[in-house]
Amino acid sequence: MKTILVIDGQGGRVGALLVSEIKKADLPVHLIAVGTNTIATSAMLKAGADQGATGENPVVVGSRRADIIIGPIGIVLADALLGEVTAAMATAVASSDAQRILIPQNRCSTTVVGTADRTVADYVALAMEKLRELVEE
């Protein structure tokens, strides 16, 4: 069974949508949600995460232990999500041995060129396709 780490901040909207879709897919995974704040963590737990935690150290520890990390692209950018992503968090995610699936969002003074103008739900659907591939490997 693979361990999936969903990381999100702000209101946890992207993370909650990811958690909800992963649970609906009924994949054989252990789903851990880590929010950069308690609101994000709460949203992901309400969406069905198996476990949840909040803050920098859970991101760092979770990134070491996860097989797959999934969340908005800001989780690898220090000071993203209005400053909620610390340098330690971004480094932990970026240097993890886990496979990363990042949802592109042109926010936080960062534009990802080459991405289509899609909704978050569209990108979550694409992320789910990739997640299925990784879990079924």
C-alpha atoms as a PDB file:
ATOM      1  CA  MET A   1       0.000   0.000   0.000  1.00  0.00           C
ATOM      2  CA  LYS A   2       1.414   3.361  -1.046  1.00  0.00           C
ATOM      3  CA  THR A   3       1.367   6.405   1.188  1.00  0.00           C
ATOM      4  CA  ILE A   4      -0.042   9.509  -0.470  1.00  0.00           C
ATOM      5  CA  LEU A   5       0.700  12.903   1.062  1.00  0.00           C
ATOM      6  CA  VAL A   6      -1.664  15.704   0.044  1.00  0.00           C
ATOM      7  CA  ILE A   7      -0.349  19.153   0.955  1.00  0.00           C
ATOM      8  CA  ASP A   8      -2.343  22.373   0.695  1.00  0.00           C
ATOM      9  CA  GLY A   9      -2.783  25.731   2.349  1.00  0.00           C
ATOM     10  CA  GLN A  10      -5.113  28.728   2.384  1.00  0.00           C
ATOM     11  CA  GLY A  11      -8.661  27.298   2.620  1.00  0.00           C
ATOM     12  CA  GLY A  12      -7.639  23.822   1.512  1.00  0.00           C
ATOM     13  CA  ARG A  13      -9.909  23.843  -1.548  1.00  0.00           C
ATOM     14  CA  VAL A  14      -7.463  22.109  -3.898  1.00  0.00           C
ATOM     15  CA  GLY A  15      -6.386  19.622  -1.230  1.00  0.00           C
ATOM     16  CA  ALA A  16      -9.966  18.790  -0.278  1.00  0.00           C
ATOM     17  CA  LEU A  17     -10.869  18.207  -3.925  1.00  0.00           C
ATOM     18  CA  LEU A  18      -7.832  15.939  -4.334  1.00  0.00           C
ATOM     19  CA  VAL A  19      -8.653  13.977  -1.179  1.00  0.00           C
ATOM     20  CA  SER A  20     -12.272  13.592  -2.250  1.00  0.00           C
ATOM     21  CA  GLU A  21     -11.303  12.305  -5.706  1.00  0.00           C
ATOM     22  CA  ILE A  22      -8.677   9.920  -4.308  1.00  0.00           C
ATOM     23  CA  LYS A  23     -11.224   8.477  -1.873  1.00  0.00           C
ATOM     24  CA  LYS A  24     -13.820   8.127  -4.665  1.00  0.00           C
ATOM     25  CA  ALA A  25     -11.261   6.260  -6.773  1.00  0.00           C
ATOM     26  CA  ASP A  26     -10.978   3.667  -3.980  1.00  0.00           C
ATOM     27  CA  LEU A  27      -7.245   3.251  -4.558  1.00  0.00           C
ATOM     28  CA  PRO A  28      -5.300   1.007  -2.159  1.00  0.00           C
ATOM     29  CA  VAL A  29      -3.476   3.897  -0.467  1.00  0.00           C
ATOM     30  CA  HIS A  30      -2.967   5.446   2.942  1.00  0.00           C
ATOM     31  CA  LEU A  31      -3.976   9.088   2.535  1.00  0.00           C
ATOM     32  CA  ILE A  32      -2.321  11.704   4.746  1.00  0.00           C
ATOM     33  CA  ALA A  33      -3.323  15.366   4.536  1.00  0.00           C
ATOM     34  CA  VAL A  34      -1.008  18.117   5.724  1.00  0.00           C
ATOM     35  CA  GLY A  35      -2.182  21.687   5.743  1.00  0.00           C
ATOM     36  CA  THR A  36      -0.033  24.744   6.069  1.00  0.00           C
ATOM     37  CA  ASN A  37      -2.796  25.986   8.381  1.00  0.00           C
ATOM     38  CA  THR A  38      -5.600  24.395  10.413  1.00  0.00           C
ATOM     39  CA  ILE A  39      -8.336  25.462   7.997  1.00  0.00           C
ATOM     40  CA  ALA A  40      -6.672  23.599   5.113  1.00  0.00           C
ATOM     41  CA  THR A  41      -6.067  20.523   7.274  1.00  0.00           C
ATOM     42  CA  SER A  42      -9.671  20.530   8.475  1.00  0.00           C
ATOM     43  CA  ALA A  43     -11.009  20.783   4.915  1.00  0.00           C
ATOM     44  CA  MET A  44      -8.912  17.804   3.810  1.00  0.00           C
ATOM     45  CA  LEU A  45      -9.907  15.718   6.836  1.00  0.00           C
ATOM     46  CA  LYS A  46     -13.581  16.495   6.176  1.00  0.00           C
ATOM     47  CA  ALA A  47     -13.028  15.347   2.580  1.00  0.00           C
ATOM     48  CA  GLY A  48     -11.932  11.939   3.895  1.00  0.00           C
ATOM     49  CA  ALA A  49      -8.174  11.879   4.546  1.00  0.00           C
ATOM     50  CA  ASP A  50      -7.066   8.975   6.744  1.00  0.00           C
ATOM     51  CA  GLN A  51      -4.833  11.208   8.874  1.00  0.00           C
ATOM     52  CA  GLY A  52      -4.052  14.880   9.071  1.00  0.00           C
ATOM     53  CA  ALA A  53      -1.553  17.287  10.561  1.00  0.00           C
ATOM     54  CA  THR A  54      -0.716  20.954  10.305  1.00  0.00           C
ATOM     55  CA  GLY A  55       2.465  22.944   9.846  1.00  0.00           C
ATOM     56  CA  GLU A  56       6.060  22.874   8.788  1.00  0.00           C
ATOM     57  CA  ASN A  57       7.325  19.796  10.618  1.00  0.00           C
ATOM     58  CA  PRO A  58       4.529  17.517   9.374  1.00  0.00           C
ATOM     59  CA  VAL A  59       5.354  18.603   5.808  1.00  0.00           C
ATOM     60  CA  VAL A  60       9.039  17.839   6.374  1.00  0.00           C
ATOM     61  CA  VAL A  61       8.429  14.456   8.037  1.00  0.00           C
ATOM     62  CA  GLY A  62       5.627  13.495   5.653  1.00  0.00           C
ATOM     63  CA  SER A  63       7.780  14.312   2.645  1.00  0.00           C
ATOM     64  CA  ARG A  64      10.417  11.844   3.877  1.00  0.00           C
ATOM     65  CA  ARG A  65       7.882   9.057   4.354  1.00  0.00           C
ATOM     66  CA  ALA A  66       5.511   9.481   1.403  1.00  0.00           C
ATOM     67  CA  ASP A  67       5.588   7.472  -1.798  1.00  0.00           C
ATOM     68  CA  ILE A  68       3.647  10.160  -3.686  1.00  0.00           C
ATOM     69  CA  ILE A  69       3.174  13.845  -2.851  1.00  0.00           C
ATOM     70  CA  ILE A  70       0.334  15.743  -4.485  1.00  0.00           C
ATOM     71  CA  GLY A  71      -0.776  19.356  -4.223  1.00  0.00           C
ATOM     72  CA  PRO A  72      -0.670  22.783  -5.848  1.00  0.00           C
ATOM     73  CA  ILE A  73       2.635  23.789  -7.443  1.00  0.00           C
ATOM     74  CA  GLY A  74       3.162  26.338  -4.685  1.00  0.00           C
ATOM     75  CA  ILE A  75       4.215  23.581  -2.278  1.00  0.00           C
ATOM     76  CA  VAL A  76       7.665  23.611  -3.926  1.00  0.00           C
ATOM     77  CA  LEU A  77       7.995  27.417  -3.878  1.00  0.00           C
ATOM     78  CA  ALA A  78       9.203  29.134  -0.720  1.00  0.00           C
ATOM     79  CA  ASP A  79       6.847  31.909   0.403  1.00  0.00           C
ATOM     80  CA  ALA A  80       4.029  30.700  -1.867  1.00  0.00           C
ATOM     81  CA  LEU A  81       0.387  30.562  -0.778  1.00  0.00           C
ATOM     82  CA  LEU A  82       0.671  34.071   0.689  1.00  0.00           C
ATOM     83  CA  GLY A  83       3.763  33.082   2.650  1.00  0.00           C
ATOM     84  CA  GLU A  84       2.342  29.883   4.135  1.00  0.00           C
ATOM     85  CA  VAL A  85       4.961  27.688   2.439  1.00  0.00           C
ATOM     86  CA  THR A  86       8.240  28.086   4.283  1.00  0.00           C
ATOM     87  CA  ALA A  87      11.641  27.481   2.709  1.00  0.00           C
ATOM     88  CA  ALA A  88      11.943  24.302   4.795  1.00  0.00           C
ATOM     89  CA  MET A  89       8.605  23.009   3.465  1.00  0.00           C
ATOM     90  CA  ALA A  90       9.479  23.751  -0.168  1.00  0.00           C
ATOM     91  CA  THR A  91      12.892  22.133   0.228  1.00  0.00           C
ATOM     92  CA  ALA A  92      11.429  19.045   1.894  1.00  0.00           C
ATOM     93  CA  VAL A  93       8.909  18.518  -0.906  1.00  0.00           C
ATOM     94  CA  ALA A  94      11.368  19.303  -3.699  1.00  0.00           C
ATOM     95  CA  SER A  95      14.102  17.038  -2.302  1.00  0.00           C
ATOM     96  CA  SER A  96      11.827  14.140  -1.365  1.00  0.00           C
ATOM     97  CA  ASP A  97      12.358  10.780  -3.038  1.00  0.00           C
ATOM     98  CA  ALA A  98       8.576  10.637  -3.510  1.00  0.00           C
ATOM     99  CA  GLN A  99       6.997  11.053  -6.914  1.00  0.00           C
ATOM    100  CA  ARG A 100       5.408  14.519  -7.038  1.00  0.00           C
ATOM    101  CA  ILE A 101       2.181  15.429  -8.810  1.00  0.00           C
ATOM    102  CA  LEU A 102       1.766  19.209  -8.877  1.00  0.00           C
ATOM    103  CA  ILE A 103      -1.367  21.098  -9.861  1.00  0.00           C
ATOM    104  CA  PRO A 104      -0.361  24.163 -11.909  1.00  0.00           C
ATOM    105  CA  GLN A 105      -1.823  27.427 -10.746  1.00  0.00           C
ATOM    106  CA  ASN A 106      -0.652  30.749 -12.098  1.00  0.00           C
ATOM    107  CA  ARG A 107      -0.634  32.520  -8.762  1.00  0.00           C
ATOM    108  CA  CYS A 108       1.858  33.670  -6.136  1.00  0.00           C
ATOM    109  CA  SER A 109       3.793  35.691  -8.719  1.00  0.00           C
ATOM    110  CA  THR A 110       4.521  32.489 -10.653  1.00  0.00           C
ATOM    111  CA  THR A 111       3.313  31.641 -14.133  1.00  0.00           C
ATOM    112  CA  VAL A 112       3.722  28.136 -15.480  1.00  0.00           C
ATOM    113  CA  VAL A 113       4.052  28.524 -19.234  1.00  0.00           C
ATOM    114  CA  GLY A 114       2.808  25.785 -21.488  1.00  0.00           C
ATOM    115  CA  THR A 115      -0.204  24.994 -19.343  1.00  0.00           C
ATOM    116  CA  ALA A 116      -3.684  25.232 -20.723  1.00  0.00           C
ATOM    117  CA  ASP A 117      -6.298  27.550 -19.278  1.00  0.00           C
ATOM    118  CA  ARG A 118      -8.166  24.912 -17.273  1.00  0.00           C
ATOM    119  CA  THR A 119     -10.143  24.835 -14.075  1.00  0.00           C
ATOM    120  CA  VAL A 120      -8.757  23.358 -10.869  1.00  0.00           C
ATOM    121  CA  ALA A 121     -11.220  20.472 -11.306  1.00  0.00           C
ATOM    122  CA  ASP A 122      -9.782  19.745 -14.766  1.00  0.00           C
ATOM    123  CA  TYR A 123      -6.257  19.679 -13.368  1.00  0.00           C
ATOM    124  CA  VAL A 124      -7.344  17.441 -10.493  1.00  0.00           C
ATOM    125  CA  ALA A 125      -8.792  15.004 -13.046  1.00  0.00           C
ATOM    126  CA  LEU A 126      -5.439  14.938 -14.858  1.00  0.00           C
ATOM    127  CA  ALA A 127      -3.636  14.484 -11.539  1.00  0.00           C
ATOM    128  CA  MET A 128      -5.906  11.534 -10.743  1.00  0.00           C
ATOM    129  CA  GLU A 129      -4.960   9.841 -14.020  1.00  0.00           C
ATOM    130  CA  LYS A 130      -1.282  10.135 -13.113  1.00  0.00           C
ATOM    131  CA  LEU A 131      -1.921   8.999  -9.545  1.00  0.00           C
ATOM    132  CA  ARG A 132      -3.692   5.848 -10.760  1.00  0.00           C
ATOM    133  CA  GLU A 133      -0.674   5.040 -12.954  1.00  0.00           C
ATOM    134  CA  LEU A 134       1.730   5.483 -10.052  1.00  0.00           C
ATOM    135  CA  VAL A 135      -0.336   3.464  -7.584  1.00  0.00           C
ATOM    136  CA  GLU A 136      -0.847   0.627 -10.043  1.00  0.00           C
ATOM    137  CA  GLU A 137       2.901   0.339 -10.842  1.00  0.00           C
END
